Amino acid sequence: MIEAKSCTNITDIRTAIDEIDNSIVQLISKRSEYVKEASRFKKDENAVKDPNRVAKVIASKKELALKYGASPKLIGNIYKMMIDFFIKEEMKEWKLQLNENK
């Protein structure tokens, strides 16, 4: 992929952004696989929701944002939205497994 400063036109920029977006979506998909599997190791709904873990994850991603020159506010918001979604999905999976084990 061409470096941002080396782009010579808007097409170069859009092509690079499309490549990055493709990678982001692939990584989110991969992350969702792990979230789904995590439900197997959780004993109750509180373990699925785990607000302390959520706060730690969001804080650590804000630190990564600073490290890489991204907006901590943006990254925090993205992770909050993503984690809220994944918790709902993980809860569905956890309840499904609970019913299967009855």
Protein backbone atom coordinates (compact mmCIF):
# COMPACT_ATOMS: atom_id res chain seq x y z
CA MET A 1 0.00 0.00 0.00
CA ILE A 2 1.24 3.45 -0.84
CA GLU A 3 2.08 5.73 2.11
CA ALA A 4 -0.32 8.63 2.68
CA LYS A 5 2.32 11.28 1.96
CA SER A 6 3.23 9.51 -1.30
CA CYS A 7 -0.29 9.67 -2.75
CA THR A 8 -0.45 11.79 -5.88
CA ASN A 9 -4.21 11.95 -6.37
CA ILE A 10 -7.58 11.21 -4.76
CA THR A 11 -7.69 7.77 -6.39
CA ASP A 12 -4.51 6.78 -4.52
CA ILE A 13 -6.09 7.99 -1.29
CA ARG A 14 -9.38 6.15 -1.86
CA THR A 15 -7.63 2.94 -2.87
CA ALA A 16 -5.53 2.98 0.29
CA ILE A 17 -8.56 3.74 2.47
CA ASP A 18 -10.46 0.86 0.86
CA GLU A 19 -7.56 -1.49 1.65
CA ILE A 20 -7.47 -0.30 5.25
CA ASP A 21 -11.25 -0.67 5.60
CA ASN A 22 -11.01 -4.21 4.25
CA SER A 23 -8.44 -5.05 6.92
CA ILE A 24 -10.51 -3.41 9.67
CA VAL A 25 -13.63 -5.41 8.74
CA GLN A 26 -11.63 -8.65 8.58
CA LEU A 27 -10.17 -7.98 12.02
CA ILE A 28 -13.55 -7.12 13.54
CA SER A 29 -14.91 -10.36 12.10
CA LYS A 30 -12.00 -12.28 13.64
CA ARG A 31 -12.55 -10.52 16.97
CA SER A 32 -16.22 -11.54 16.90
CA GLU A 33 -15.22 -15.20 16.58
CA TYR A 34 -13.24 -14.93 19.82
CA VAL A 35 -16.05 -13.08 21.59
CA LYS A 36 -18.48 -15.84 20.63
CA GLU A 37 -16.13 -18.50 21.97
CA ALA A 38 -15.53 -16.55 25.19
CA SER A 39 -19.10 -17.26 26.24
CA ARG A 40 -18.12 -20.90 26.78
CA PHE A 41 -15.90 -19.88 29.68
CA LYS A 42 -18.31 -17.60 31.49
CA LYS A 43 -20.36 -18.91 34.38
CA ASP A 44 -23.07 -16.24 34.61
CA GLU A 45 -24.52 -13.10 33.02
CA ASN A 46 -22.32 -10.84 35.16
CA ALA A 47 -19.24 -12.50 33.71
CA VAL A 48 -20.56 -11.80 30.21
CA LYS A 49 -21.26 -8.13 30.94
CA ASP A 50 -18.21 -7.54 33.20
CA PRO A 51 -18.22 -3.71 33.35
CA ASN A 52 -14.77 -3.63 34.96
CA ARG A 53 -13.28 -5.53 32.02
CA VAL A 54 -15.11 -3.26 29.56
CA ALA A 55 -13.67 -0.16 31.25
CA LYS A 56 -10.15 -1.63 31.17
CA VAL A 57 -10.42 -2.56 27.50
CA ILE A 58 -11.67 0.89 26.50
CA ALA A 59 -8.97 2.62 28.57
CA SER A 60 -6.24 0.45 27.04
CA LYS A 61 -7.47 1.20 23.52
CA LYS A 62 -7.45 4.93 24.26
CA GLU A 63 -3.81 4.52 25.30
CA LEU A 64 -3.12 2.73 22.01
CA ALA A 65 -4.79 5.61 20.20
CA LEU A 66 -2.33 8.02 21.79
CA LYS A 67 0.57 5.73 20.94
CA TYR A 68 -0.42 5.63 17.26
CA GLY A 69 -1.55 9.25 16.90
CA ALA A 70 -5.29 8.57 16.70
CA SER A 71 -8.03 10.34 18.61
CA PRO A 72 -8.60 8.65 22.00
CA LYS A 73 -12.17 9.95 21.98
CA LEU A 74 -12.87 8.39 18.57
CA ILE A 75 -11.26 5.08 19.50
CA GLY A 76 -13.06 5.04 22.86
CA ASN A 77 -16.40 5.61 21.14
CA ILE A 78 -15.73 2.93 18.52
CA TYR A 79 -14.78 0.38 21.17
CA LYS A 80 -17.73 1.28 23.39
CA MET A 81 -20.13 0.72 20.49
CA MET A 82 -18.37 -2.46 19.39
CA ILE A 83 -18.20 -3.92 22.89
CA ASP A 84 -21.87 -3.09 23.58
CA PHE A 85 -22.79 -4.96 20.41
CA PHE A 86 -20.53 -7.91 21.22
CA ILE A 87 -21.88 -8.19 24.77
CA LYS A 88 -25.40 -8.55 23.38
CA GLU A 89 -24.20 -11.19 20.92
CA GLU A 90 -22.20 -13.01 23.58
CA MET A 91 -25.21 -12.97 25.91
CA LYS A 92 -27.33 -14.64 23.22
CA GLU A 93 -24.64 -17.28 22.76
CA TRP A 94 -24.28 -17.77 26.52
CA LYS A 95 -28.04 -18.25 26.96
CA LEU A 96 -28.14 -20.67 24.03
CA GLN A 97 -25.39 -22.76 25.59
CA LEU A 98 -27.13 -22.60 28.97
CA ASN A 99 -30.31 -24.01 27.41
CA GLU A 100 -28.38 -26.71 25.57
CA ASN A 101 -26.78 -27.87 28.82
CA LYS A 102 -30.10 -28.29 30.65
